[in-house]
């Protein structure tokens, strides 16, 4: 049974009817309802396609945050073999909001850095809902430095509402850690590909997303601030998040037009949460293509490509 979003009620009603008919079909005194089930399934697919064809930015925000959407660990499990996680920043502590280590993608060594939100109450608390502290970004820098030393490409999986804004994090240099991580991305002399798989929130996202190729799932969002926080600042009313989401141009389609991202990764009908494996496999195909395009560049060219790419954003608008 799916967890339905508010705007998916028409689909929920149809799929509820389908489930009831399937129960009738499987009972001892079953009548033949196959044709009715097929008719309702067609209506359900059409309704879902119609809904997802014209999602508003706020609806895309809801999809990007869906509890069943595949997270960083789901991508690691399906795409990366022989993964060895590395812990700690060698300064203060381990940060479970950022998963980082080395493994193999298509049989080739790769460094992976990703933000993990968690999938239930226990894991969400463990991973701090994907909101990293300074230790997480310093761990990311550590991994990037190792990757460059051994000439290993870097893949990052972005999914965070933003860096953790707690007092302790600020006292330990949150802003400086984000800046150092962004700097490390820019200075890398190995290929770097980033995929925004859910939310890409503010500096907490850009700290590991300053890549040669930035890919973004079709219904993900990428923004300088969350719609709720933006509404609180502009109108002191978080309920106006819908208006802010529209104004900020946070969707993959808008960001591709502005040159902020390089490529949109299509999602299965109804969003990545409806067919997680298919969504991950599609993302893998695009990552594979991105690394192939970067493979011909030497270290200095990769670094220059990355810097020029980000300096060019907004210049041609």
C-alpha atoms as a PDB file:
ATOM      1  CA  UNK A   1       0.000   0.000   0.000  1.00  0.00           C
ATOM      2  CA  UNK A   2       1.389   3.382  -0.993  1.00  0.00           C
ATOM      3  CA  UNK A   3       1.653   6.434   1.243  1.00  0.00           C
ATOM      4  CA  UNK A   4      -0.429   8.899  -0.751  1.00  0.00           C
ATOM      5  CA  UNK A   5       0.221  12.612  -0.898  1.00  0.00           C
ATOM      6  CA  UNK A   6      -2.691  15.049  -0.556  1.00  0.00           C
ATOM      7  CA  UNK A   7      -2.934  15.783  -4.269  1.00  0.00           C
ATOM      8  CA  UNK A   8      -2.970  12.059  -5.101  1.00  0.00           C
ATOM      9  CA  UNK A   9      -6.449  11.459  -3.653  1.00  0.00           C
ATOM     10  CA  UNK A  10      -8.073  10.640  -7.044  1.00  0.00           C
ATOM     11  CA  UNK A  11      -5.453   7.930  -7.596  1.00  0.00           C
ATOM     12  CA  UNK A  12      -5.795   6.684  -4.020  1.00  0.00           C
ATOM     13  CA  UNK A  13      -9.535   6.227  -4.500  1.00  0.00           C
ATOM     14  CA  UNK A  14      -9.071   4.257  -7.717  1.00  0.00           C
ATOM     15  CA  UNK A  15      -6.329   2.053  -6.290  1.00  0.00           C
ATOM     16  CA  UNK A  16      -8.476   1.435  -3.222  1.00  0.00           C
ATOM     17  CA  UNK A  17     -11.248   0.151  -5.481  1.00  0.00           C
ATOM     18  CA  UNK A  18      -8.756  -2.085  -7.278  1.00  0.00           C
ATOM     19  CA  UNK A  19      -7.620  -3.636  -4.009  1.00  0.00           C
ATOM     20  CA  UNK A  20     -11.210  -4.332  -2.982  1.00  0.00           C
ATOM     21  CA  UNK A  21     -11.934  -6.016  -6.303  1.00  0.00           C
ATOM     22  CA  UNK A  22      -8.800  -8.144  -6.014  1.00  0.00           C
ATOM     23  CA  UNK A  23      -9.973  -9.325  -2.596  1.00  0.00           C
ATOM     24  CA  UNK A  24     -13.297 -10.319  -4.108  1.00  0.00           C
ATOM     25  CA  UNK A  25     -11.524 -12.076  -6.977  1.00  0.00           C
ATOM     26  CA  UNK A  26      -9.426 -14.155  -4.565  1.00  0.00           C
ATOM     27  CA  UNK A  27     -12.372 -15.269  -2.388  1.00  0.00           C
ATOM     28  CA  UNK A  28     -13.925 -18.744  -2.633  1.00  0.00           C
ATOM     29  CA  UNK A  29     -17.153 -17.539  -4.224  1.00  0.00           C
ATOM     30  CA  UNK A  30     -15.337 -15.221  -6.585  1.00  0.00           C
ATOM     31  CA  UNK A  31     -16.980 -13.635  -9.571  1.00  0.00           C
ATOM     32  CA  UNK A  32     -14.943 -12.677 -12.597  1.00  0.00           C
ATOM     33  CA  UNK A  33     -13.964  -9.029 -12.137  1.00  0.00           C
ATOM     34  CA  UNK A  34     -10.834  -9.124 -14.295  1.00  0.00           C
ATOM     35  CA  UNK A  35     -12.171  -6.685 -16.884  1.00  0.00           C
ATOM     36  CA  UNK A  36     -13.272  -4.210 -14.212  1.00  0.00           C
ATOM     37  CA  UNK A  37      -9.850  -4.404 -12.540  1.00  0.00           C
ATOM     38  CA  UNK A  38      -8.101  -3.776 -15.846  1.00  0.00           C
ATOM     39  CA  UNK A  39     -10.379  -0.839 -16.574  1.00  0.00           C
ATOM     40  CA  UNK A  40      -9.680   0.718 -13.174  1.00  0.00           C
ATOM     41  CA  UNK A  41      -5.928   0.127 -13.538  1.00  0.00           C
ATOM     42  CA  UNK A  42      -5.966   2.000 -16.853  1.00  0.00           C
ATOM     43  CA  UNK A  43      -7.883   4.851 -15.252  1.00  0.00           C
ATOM     44  CA  UNK A  44      -5.451   4.891 -12.351  1.00  0.00           C
ATOM     45  CA  UNK A  45      -2.394   5.037 -14.646  1.00  0.00           C
ATOM     46  CA  UNK A  46      -3.979   7.794 -16.714  1.00  0.00           C
ATOM     47  CA  UNK A  47      -4.906   9.786 -13.608  1.00  0.00           C
ATOM     48  CA  UNK A  48      -1.388   9.390 -12.206  1.00  0.00           C
ATOM     49  CA  UNK A  49       0.201  10.435 -15.499  1.00  0.00           C
ATOM     50  CA  UNK A  50      -2.082  13.465 -15.694  1.00  0.00           C
ATOM     51  CA  UNK A  51      -1.256  14.517 -12.119  1.00  0.00           C
ATOM     52  CA  UNK A  52       2.507  14.162 -12.499  1.00  0.00           C
ATOM     53  CA  UNK A  53       2.539  15.866 -15.888  1.00  0.00           C
ATOM     54  CA  UNK A  54       1.543  19.189 -14.299  1.00  0.00           C
ATOM     55  CA  UNK A  55       2.922  19.167 -10.760  1.00  0.00           C
ATOM     56  CA  UNK A  56       3.325  22.573  -9.138  1.00  0.00           C
ATOM     57  CA  UNK A  57       6.649  23.424  -7.429  1.00  0.00           C
ATOM     58  CA  UNK A  58       5.007  22.844  -4.037  1.00  0.00           C
ATOM     59  CA  UNK A  59       3.714  19.443  -5.109  1.00  0.00           C
ATOM     60  CA  UNK A  60       7.207  18.567  -6.336  1.00  0.00           C
ATOM     61  CA  UNK A  61       8.497  19.567  -2.904  1.00  0.00           C
ATOM     62  CA  UNK A  62       6.110  17.051  -1.355  1.00  0.00           C
ATOM     63  CA  UNK A  63       7.245  14.350  -3.785  1.00  0.00           C
ATOM     64  CA  UNK A  64      10.928  15.117  -3.114  1.00  0.00           C
ATOM     65  CA  UNK A  65      10.290  14.650   0.607  1.00  0.00           C
ATOM     66  CA  UNK A  66       8.170  11.494   0.285  1.00  0.00           C
ATOM     67  CA  UNK A  67       8.990   9.046   3.077  1.00  0.00           C
ATOM     68  CA  UNK A  68       9.269   6.121   0.633  1.00  0.00           C
ATOM     69  CA  UNK A  69      11.593   7.859  -1.797  1.00  0.00           C
ATOM     70  CA  UNK A  70      14.930   6.015  -2.195  1.00  0.00           C
ATOM     71  CA  UNK A  71      17.655   7.524  -0.042  1.00  0.00           C
ATOM     72  CA  UNK A  72      21.442   7.480  -0.169  1.00  0.00           C
ATOM     73  CA  UNK A  73      21.752   4.012   1.390  1.00  0.00           C
ATOM     74  CA  UNK A  74      19.304   2.602  -1.165  1.00  0.00           C
ATOM     75  CA  UNK A  75      21.526   3.910  -3.972  1.00  0.00           C
ATOM     76  CA  UNK A  76      24.649   2.532  -2.318  1.00  0.00           C
ATOM     77  CA  UNK A  77      23.116  -0.880  -1.854  1.00  0.00           C
ATOM     78  CA  UNK A  78      22.008  -1.161  -5.470  1.00  0.00           C
ATOM     79  CA  UNK A  79      24.828   0.610  -7.321  1.00  0.00           C
ATOM     80  CA  UNK A  80      28.035   0.260  -5.307  1.00  0.00           C
ATOM     81  CA  UNK A  81      29.776  -3.030  -4.666  1.00  0.00           C
ATOM     82  CA  UNK A  82      32.510  -3.667  -2.079  1.00  0.00           C
ATOM     83  CA  UNK A  83      31.598  -0.417  -0.325  1.00  0.00           C
ATOM     84  CA  UNK A  84      33.848   0.428   2.625  1.00  0.00           C
ATOM     85  CA  UNK A  85      32.538   3.352   4.719  1.00  0.00           C
ATOM     86  CA  UNK A  86      35.017   5.627   6.452  1.00  0.00           C
ATOM     87  CA  UNK A  87      34.049   7.358   9.699  1.00  0.00           C
ATOM     88  CA  UNK A  88      35.081  10.490  11.521  1.00  0.00           C
ATOM     89  CA  UNK A  89      36.575  13.819  10.543  1.00  0.00           C
ATOM     90  CA  UNK A  90      39.829  13.323  12.520  1.00  0.00           C
ATOM     91  CA  UNK A  91      38.996  16.452  14.503  1.00  0.00           C
ATOM     92  CA  UNK A  92      35.900  15.953  16.630  1.00  0.00           C
ATOM     93  CA  UNK A  93      33.472  13.118  15.875  1.00  0.00           C
ATOM     94  CA  UNK A  94      31.600  10.966  13.398  1.00  0.00           C
ATOM     95  CA  UNK A  95      28.579  12.472  11.646  1.00  0.00           C
ATOM     96  CA  UNK A  96      26.010   9.905  10.530  1.00  0.00           C
ATOM     97  CA  UNK A  97      24.171  12.421   8.340  1.00  0.00           C
ATOM     98  CA  UNK A  98      26.884  11.979   5.727  1.00  0.00           C
ATOM     99  CA  UNK A  99      27.793   8.520   4.466  1.00  0.00           C
ATOM    100  CA  UNK A 100      31.222   8.430   2.848  1.00  0.00           C
ATOM    101  CA  UNK A 101      33.650   5.815   1.671  1.00  0.00           C
ATOM    102  CA  UNK A 102      35.011   3.872  -1.284  1.00  0.00           C
ATOM    103  CA  UNK A 103      33.566   1.104  -3.411  1.00  0.00           C
ATOM    104  CA  UNK A 104      33.123   0.004  -7.008  1.00  0.00           C
ATOM    105  CA  UNK A 105      30.704   1.297  -9.616  1.00  0.00           C
ATOM    106  CA  UNK A 106      30.598  -0.884 -12.719  1.00  0.00           C
ATOM    107  CA  UNK A 107      33.728  -2.598 -11.394  1.00  0.00           C
ATOM    108  CA  UNK A 108      35.724   0.647 -11.175  1.00  0.00           C
ATOM    109  CA  UNK A 109      36.823   2.317  -7.952  1.00  0.00           C
ATOM    110  CA  UNK A 110      34.770   5.317  -6.887  1.00  0.00           C
ATOM    111  CA  UNK A 111      34.552   7.556  -3.837  1.00  0.00           C
ATOM    112  CA  UNK A 112      30.974   8.071  -2.660  1.00  0.00           C
ATOM    113  CA  UNK A 113      29.703  10.867  -0.425  1.00  0.00           C
ATOM    114  CA  UNK A 114      25.990  11.070   0.317  1.00  0.00           C
ATOM    115  CA  UNK A 115      23.480  12.582   2.697  1.00  0.00           C
ATOM    116  CA  UNK A 116      21.221  10.047   4.388  1.00  0.00           C
ATOM    117  CA  UNK A 117      17.878  11.142   5.864  1.00  0.00           C
ATOM    118  CA  UNK A 118      16.820   7.787   7.309  1.00  0.00           C
ATOM    119  CA  UNK A 119      13.712   5.763   6.562  1.00  0.00           C
ATOM    120  CA  UNK A 120      12.022   5.377   9.967  1.00  0.00           C
ATOM    121  CA  UNK A 121      12.039   7.148  13.323  1.00  0.00           C
ATOM    122  CA  UNK A 122      15.123   5.381  14.623  1.00  0.00           C
ATOM    123  CA  UNK A 123      17.260   5.910  11.518  1.00  0.00           C
ATOM    124  CA  UNK A 124      16.046   9.481  11.011  1.00  0.00           C
ATOM    125  CA  UNK A 125      17.242  10.356  14.485  1.00  0.00           C
ATOM    126  CA  UNK A 126      20.528   8.519  13.930  1.00  0.00           C
ATOM    127  CA  UNK A 127      21.191  10.376  10.667  1.00  0.00           C
ATOM    128  CA  UNK A 128      19.789  13.671  11.991  1.00  0.00           C
ATOM    129  CA  UNK A 129      17.301  13.812   9.094  1.00  0.00           C
ATOM    130  CA  UNK A 130      20.187  14.273   6.672  1.00  0.00           C
ATOM    131  CA  UNK A 131      21.288  17.576   8.214  1.00  0.00           C
ATOM    132  CA  UNK A 132      25.058  17.418   8.601  1.00  0.00           C
ATOM    133  CA  UNK A 133      27.151  19.053  11.293  1.00  0.00           C
ATOM    134  CA  UNK A 134      30.653  20.450  10.614  1.00  0.00           C
ATOM    135  CA  UNK A 135      32.114  16.992  11.219  1.00  0.00           C
ATOM    136  CA  UNK A 136      30.174  15.649   8.236  1.00  0.00           C
ATOM    137  CA  UNK A 137      31.581  18.229   5.841  1.00  0.00           C
ATOM    138  CA  UNK A 138      35.104  17.753   7.200  1.00  0.00           C
ATOM    139  CA  UNK A 139      34.687  14.025   6.647  1.00  0.00           C
ATOM    140  CA  UNK A 140      33.604  14.781   3.069  1.00  0.00           C
ATOM    141  CA  UNK A 141      36.773  16.864   2.559  1.00  0.00           C
ATOM    142  CA  UNK A 142      38.844  13.994   3.917  1.00  0.00           C
ATOM    143  CA  UNK A 143      37.295  11.580   1.418  1.00  0.00           C
ATOM    144  CA  UNK A 144      37.798  13.997  -1.489  1.00  0.00           C
ATOM    145  CA  UNK A 145      41.462  14.455  -0.600  1.00  0.00           C
ATOM    146  CA  UNK A 146      41.964  10.693  -0.494  1.00  0.00           C
ATOM    147  CA  UNK A 147      40.149  10.291  -3.819  1.00  0.00           C
ATOM    148  CA  UNK A 148      42.414  12.831  -5.483  1.00  0.00           C
ATOM    149  CA  UNK A 149      45.532  11.246  -3.988  1.00  0.00           C
ATOM    150  CA  UNK A 150      44.666   7.881  -5.523  1.00  0.00           C
ATOM    151  CA  UNK A 151      43.078   9.260  -8.727  1.00  0.00           C
ATOM    152  CA  UNK A 152      39.583   7.952  -7.937  1.00  0.00           C
ATOM    153  CA  UNK A 153      36.451   9.706  -9.306  1.00  0.00           C
ATOM    154  CA  UNK A 154      33.916  11.103  -6.856  1.00  0.00           C
ATOM    155  CA  UNK A 155      30.153  10.524  -6.824  1.00  0.00           C
ATOM    156  CA  UNK A 156      27.951  12.497  -4.436  1.00  0.00           C
ATOM    157  CA  UNK A 157      24.294  11.893  -3.593  1.00  0.00           C
ATOM    158  CA  UNK A 158      22.556  15.028  -2.365  1.00  0.00           C
ATOM    159  CA  UNK A 159      19.471  14.827  -0.149  1.00  0.00           C
ATOM    160  CA  UNK A 160      19.220  17.345   2.663  1.00  0.00           C
ATOM    161  CA  UNK A 161      16.958  20.141   3.832  1.00  0.00           C
ATOM    162  CA  UNK A 162      20.171  21.987   4.743  1.00  0.00           C
ATOM    163  CA  UNK A 163      23.094  21.888   7.130  1.00  0.00           C
ATOM    164  CA  UNK A 164      22.222  21.455  10.810  1.00  0.00           C
ATOM    165  CA  UNK A 165      21.718  24.933  12.378  1.00  0.00           C
ATOM    166  CA  UNK A 166      22.239  23.950  16.029  1.00  0.00           C
ATOM    167  CA  UNK A 167      24.298  26.012  18.472  1.00  0.00           C
ATOM    168  CA  UNK A 168      26.965  23.327  18.829  1.00  0.00           C
ATOM    169  CA  UNK A 169      27.367  23.077  15.065  1.00  0.00           C
ATOM    170  CA  UNK A 170      27.772  26.845  14.788  1.00  0.00           C
ATOM    171  CA  UNK A 171      30.296  26.889  17.631  1.00  0.00           C
ATOM    172  CA  UNK A 172      32.390  24.256  15.855  1.00  0.00           C
ATOM    173  CA  UNK A 173      32.490  26.240  12.617  1.00  0.00           C
ATOM    174  CA  UNK A 174      29.556  25.145  10.462  1.00  0.00           C
ATOM    175  CA  UNK A 175      29.950  27.926   7.887  1.00  0.00           C
ATOM    176  CA  UNK A 176      33.717  27.392   7.641  1.00  0.00           C
ATOM    177  CA  UNK A 177      33.280  23.634   7.200  1.00  0.00           C
ATOM    178  CA  UNK A 178      30.753  24.158   4.388  1.00  0.00           C
ATOM    179  CA  UNK A 179      33.091  26.641   2.695  1.00  0.00           C
ATOM    180  CA  UNK A 180      36.057  24.240   2.972  1.00  0.00           C
ATOM    181  CA  UNK A 181      34.001  21.410   1.502  1.00  0.00           C
ATOM    182  CA  UNK A 182      32.873  23.602  -1.410  1.00  0.00           C
ATOM    183  CA  UNK A 183      36.490  24.646  -1.959  1.00  0.00           C
ATOM    184  CA  UNK A 184      37.595  21.003  -1.931  1.00  0.00           C
ATOM    185  CA  UNK A 185      35.011  20.225  -4.634  1.00  0.00           C
ATOM    186  CA  UNK A 186      36.262  23.077  -6.807  1.00  0.00           C
ATOM    187  CA  UNK A 187      39.906  22.077  -6.455  1.00  0.00           C
ATOM    188  CA  UNK A 188      39.501  18.360  -7.215  1.00  0.00           C
ATOM    189  CA  UNK A 189      41.573  17.045 -10.108  1.00  0.00           C
ATOM    190  CA  UNK A 190      39.459  13.924 -10.560  1.00  0.00           C
ATOM    191  CA  UNK A 191      36.010  13.624 -12.201  1.00  0.00           C
ATOM    192  CA  UNK A 192      33.134  14.555  -9.896  1.00  0.00           C
ATOM    193  CA  UNK A 193      29.446  13.849 -10.522  1.00  0.00           C
ATOM    194  CA  UNK A 194      26.634  14.899  -8.179  1.00  0.00           C
ATOM    195  CA  UNK A 195      23.065  13.635  -8.189  1.00  0.00           C
ATOM    196  CA  UNK A 196      20.311  15.523  -6.378  1.00  0.00           C
ATOM    197  CA  UNK A 197      18.092  12.607  -5.414  1.00  0.00           C
ATOM    198  CA  UNK A 198      15.580  14.399  -3.172  1.00  0.00           C
ATOM    199  CA  UNK A 199      16.080  17.774  -1.551  1.00  0.00           C
ATOM    200  CA  UNK A 200      19.071  19.983  -2.258  1.00  0.00           C
ATOM    201  CA  UNK A 201      18.932  22.567   0.487  1.00  0.00           C
ATOM    202  CA  UNK A 202      21.162  25.646   0.590  1.00  0.00           C
ATOM    203  CA  UNK A 203      24.876  25.470   1.478  1.00  0.00           C
ATOM    204  CA  UNK A 204      24.310  22.094   3.067  1.00  0.00           C
ATOM    205  CA  UNK A 205      23.787  20.723  -0.445  1.00  0.00           C
ATOM    206  CA  UNK A 206      26.220  22.837  -2.468  1.00  0.00           C
ATOM    207  CA  UNK A 207      29.048  21.760  -0.139  1.00  0.00           C
ATOM    208  CA  UNK A 208      29.083  18.359  -1.856  1.00  0.00           C
ATOM    209  CA  UNK A 209      27.393  19.302  -5.141  1.00  0.00           C
ATOM    210  CA  UNK A 210      29.974  21.626  -6.736  1.00  0.00           C
ATOM    211  CA  UNK A 211      30.679  19.027  -9.402  1.00  0.00           C
ATOM    212  CA  UNK A 212      31.649  18.769 -13.066  1.00  0.00           C
ATOM    213  CA  UNK A 213      28.239  17.276 -13.787  1.00  0.00           C
ATOM    214  CA  UNK A 214      25.195  17.998 -11.617  1.00  0.00           C
ATOM    215  CA  UNK A 215      22.287  15.657 -12.285  1.00  0.00           C
ATOM    216  CA  UNK A 216      18.865  16.072 -10.747  1.00  0.00           C
ATOM    217  CA  UNK A 217      15.959  13.676 -10.494  1.00  0.00           C
ATOM    218  CA  UNK A 218      12.840  14.858 -12.279  1.00  0.00           C
ATOM    219  CA  UNK A 219      10.820  15.562  -9.127  1.00  0.00           C
ATOM    220  CA  UNK A 220      13.666  16.610  -6.823  1.00  0.00           C
ATOM    221  CA  UNK A 221      14.073  20.197  -5.623  1.00  0.00           C
ATOM    222  CA  UNK A 222      17.166  22.411  -5.256  1.00  0.00           C
ATOM    223  CA  UNK A 223      16.961  25.739  -3.460  1.00  0.00           C
ATOM    224  CA  UNK A 224      18.814  28.365  -1.482  1.00  0.00           C
ATOM    225  CA  UNK A 225      16.354  27.977   1.396  1.00  0.00           C
ATOM    226  CA  UNK A 226      13.387  25.744   2.158  1.00  0.00           C
ATOM    227  CA  UNK A 227       9.997  27.135   1.045  1.00  0.00           C
ATOM    228  CA  UNK A 228       8.795  27.190   4.676  1.00  0.00           C
ATOM    229  CA  UNK A 229      11.839  29.127   5.900  1.00  0.00           C
ATOM    230  CA  UNK A 230      11.584  31.542   2.968  1.00  0.00           C
ATOM    231  CA  UNK A 231       7.934  32.231   3.771  1.00  0.00           C
ATOM    232  CA  UNK A 232       8.800  32.804   7.433  1.00  0.00           C
ATOM    233  CA  UNK A 233      11.422  35.384   6.464  1.00  0.00           C
ATOM    234  CA  UNK A 234       9.379  37.187   3.809  1.00  0.00           C
ATOM    235  CA  UNK A 235       5.937  37.135   5.419  1.00  0.00           C
ATOM    236  CA  UNK A 236       6.485  35.669   8.894  1.00  0.00           C
ATOM    237  CA  UNK A 237       4.023  33.026   7.803  1.00  0.00           C
ATOM    238  CA  UNK A 238       5.303  29.530   6.968  1.00  0.00           C
ATOM    239  CA  UNK A 239       1.894  28.579   5.536  1.00  0.00           C
ATOM    240  CA  UNK A 240       2.786  30.640   2.457  1.00  0.00           C
ATOM    241  CA  UNK A 241       5.477  28.120   1.526  1.00  0.00           C
ATOM    242  CA  UNK A 242       3.479  27.273  -1.591  1.00  0.00           C
ATOM    243  CA  UNK A 243       3.962  30.835  -2.902  1.00  0.00           C
ATOM    244  CA  UNK A 244       7.685  30.831  -2.145  1.00  0.00           C
ATOM    245  CA  UNK A 245       8.182  27.472  -3.857  1.00  0.00           C
ATOM    246  CA  UNK A 246       6.632  28.957  -7.000  1.00  0.00           C
ATOM    247  CA  UNK A 247       8.740  32.126  -6.867  1.00  0.00           C
ATOM    248  CA  UNK A 248      12.104  30.512  -6.126  1.00  0.00           C
ATOM    249  CA  UNK A 249      12.201  28.288  -9.240  1.00  0.00           C
ATOM    250  CA  UNK A 250      13.276  25.178  -7.340  1.00  0.00           C
ATOM    251  CA  UNK A 251      12.301  22.485  -9.836  1.00  0.00           C
ATOM    252  CA  UNK A 252      14.661  20.517 -12.072  1.00  0.00           C
ATOM    253  CA  UNK A 253      13.006  21.977 -15.154  1.00  0.00           C
ATOM    254  CA  UNK A 254      13.629  25.584 -14.071  1.00  0.00           C
ATOM    255  CA  UNK A 255      17.180  24.895 -12.897  1.00  0.00           C
ATOM    256  CA  UNK A 256      18.106  23.158 -16.135  1.00  0.00           C
ATOM    257  CA  UNK A 257      16.935  26.247 -18.021  1.00  0.00           C
ATOM    258  CA  UNK A 258      19.082  28.486 -15.782  1.00  0.00           C
ATOM    259  CA  UNK A 259      22.144  26.280 -16.193  1.00  0.00           C
ATOM    260  CA  UNK A 260      22.339  25.414 -12.491  1.00  0.00           C
ATOM    261  CA  UNK A 261      22.102  21.690 -13.272  1.00  0.00           C
ATOM    262  CA  UNK A 262      23.300  19.785 -16.327  1.00  0.00           C
ATOM    263  CA  UNK A 263      20.765  17.025 -16.767  1.00  0.00           C
ATOM    264  CA  UNK A 264      17.334  15.889 -15.571  1.00  0.00           C
ATOM    265  CA  UNK A 265      17.017  12.218 -14.640  1.00  0.00           C
ATOM    266  CA  UNK A 266      13.504  10.900 -15.466  1.00  0.00           C
ATOM    267  CA  UNK A 267      11.571   9.224 -12.663  1.00  0.00           C
ATOM    268  CA  UNK A 268       9.097   6.328 -12.926  1.00  0.00           C
ATOM    269  CA  UNK A 269       5.436   7.237 -13.339  1.00  0.00           C
ATOM    270  CA  UNK A 270       4.219   8.557 -10.006  1.00  0.00           C
ATOM    271  CA  UNK A 271       7.672   9.405  -8.672  1.00  0.00           C
ATOM    272  CA  UNK A 272      10.758   7.505  -7.535  1.00  0.00           C
ATOM    273  CA  UNK A 273       8.955   6.247  -4.423  1.00  0.00           C
ATOM    274  CA  UNK A 274       6.644   4.064  -6.545  1.00  0.00           C
ATOM    275  CA  UNK A 275       9.456   2.116  -8.220  1.00  0.00           C
ATOM    276  CA  UNK A 276      12.649   2.671  -6.249  1.00  0.00           C
ATOM    277  CA  UNK A 277      14.798   0.132  -8.095  1.00  0.00           C
ATOM    278  CA  UNK A 278      13.835   1.551 -11.484  1.00  0.00           C
ATOM    279  CA  UNK A 279      14.580   5.084 -10.300  1.00  0.00           C
ATOM    280  CA  UNK A 280      18.018   4.094  -8.997  1.00  0.00           C
ATOM    281  CA  UNK A 281      18.856   2.171 -12.170  1.00  0.00           C
ATOM    282  CA  UNK A 282      17.886   5.146 -14.357  1.00  0.00           C
ATOM    283  CA  UNK A 283      20.063   7.443 -12.246  1.00  0.00           C
ATOM    284  CA  UNK A 284      22.923   4.944 -12.604  1.00  0.00           C
ATOM    285  CA  UNK A 285      22.674   5.125 -16.400  1.00  0.00           C
ATOM    286  CA  UNK A 286      23.019   8.906 -16.302  1.00  0.00           C
ATOM    287  CA  UNK A 287      25.927   8.753 -13.833  1.00  0.00           C
ATOM    288  CA  UNK A 288      27.660   6.219 -16.099  1.00  0.00           C
ATOM    289  CA  UNK A 289      27.235   8.549 -19.075  1.00  0.00           C
ATOM    290  CA  UNK A 290      28.485  11.578 -17.100  1.00  0.00           C
ATOM    291  CA  UNK A 291      31.662   9.823 -15.967  1.00  0.00           C
ATOM    292  CA  UNK A 292      32.279   8.623 -19.532  1.00  0.00           C
ATOM    293  CA  UNK A 293      32.057  12.217 -20.823  1.00  0.00           C
ATOM    294  CA  UNK A 294      34.569  13.387 -18.210  1.00  0.00           C
ATOM    295  CA  UNK A 295      37.032  10.540 -18.668  1.00  0.00           C
ATOM    296  CA  UNK A 296      38.917  12.251 -21.501  1.00  0.00           C
ATOM    297  CA  UNK A 297      39.826  15.311 -19.371  1.00  0.00           C
ATOM    298  CA  UNK A 298      43.053  15.525 -17.390  1.00  0.00           C
ATOM    299  CA  UNK A 299      43.226  16.797 -13.809  1.00  0.00           C
ATOM    300  CA  UNK A 300      43.794  20.458 -14.575  1.00  0.00           C
ATOM    301  CA  UNK A 301      41.100  20.446 -17.267  1.00  0.00           C
ATOM    302  CA  UNK A 302      38.593  18.918 -14.834  1.00  0.00           C
ATOM    303  CA  UNK A 303      39.349  21.587 -12.271  1.00  0.00           C
ATOM    304  CA  UNK A 304      39.055  24.378 -14.848  1.00  0.00           C
ATOM    305  CA  UNK A 305      35.840  22.901 -16.274  1.00  0.00           C
ATOM    306  CA  UNK A 306      34.266  22.881 -12.824  1.00  0.00           C
ATOM    307  CA  UNK A 307      35.234  26.445 -11.984  1.00  0.00           C
ATOM    308  CA  UNK A 308      34.129  27.834 -15.347  1.00  0.00           C
ATOM    309  CA  UNK A 309      30.845  25.979 -15.122  1.00  0.00           C
ATOM    310  CA  UNK A 310      29.886  27.600 -11.820  1.00  0.00           C
ATOM    311  CA  UNK A 311      31.207  31.048 -12.756  1.00  0.00           C
ATOM    312  CA  UNK A 312      29.028  30.940 -15.891  1.00  0.00           C
ATOM    313  CA  UNK A 313      25.753  30.339 -14.021  1.00  0.00           C
ATOM    314  CA  UNK A 314      23.421  33.285 -14.561  1.00  0.00           C
ATOM    315  CA  UNK A 315      25.653  35.133 -17.028  1.00  0.00           C
ATOM    316  CA  UNK A 316      23.577  34.372 -20.104  1.00  0.00           C
ATOM    317  CA  UNK A 317      20.114  35.030 -18.635  1.00  0.00           C
END
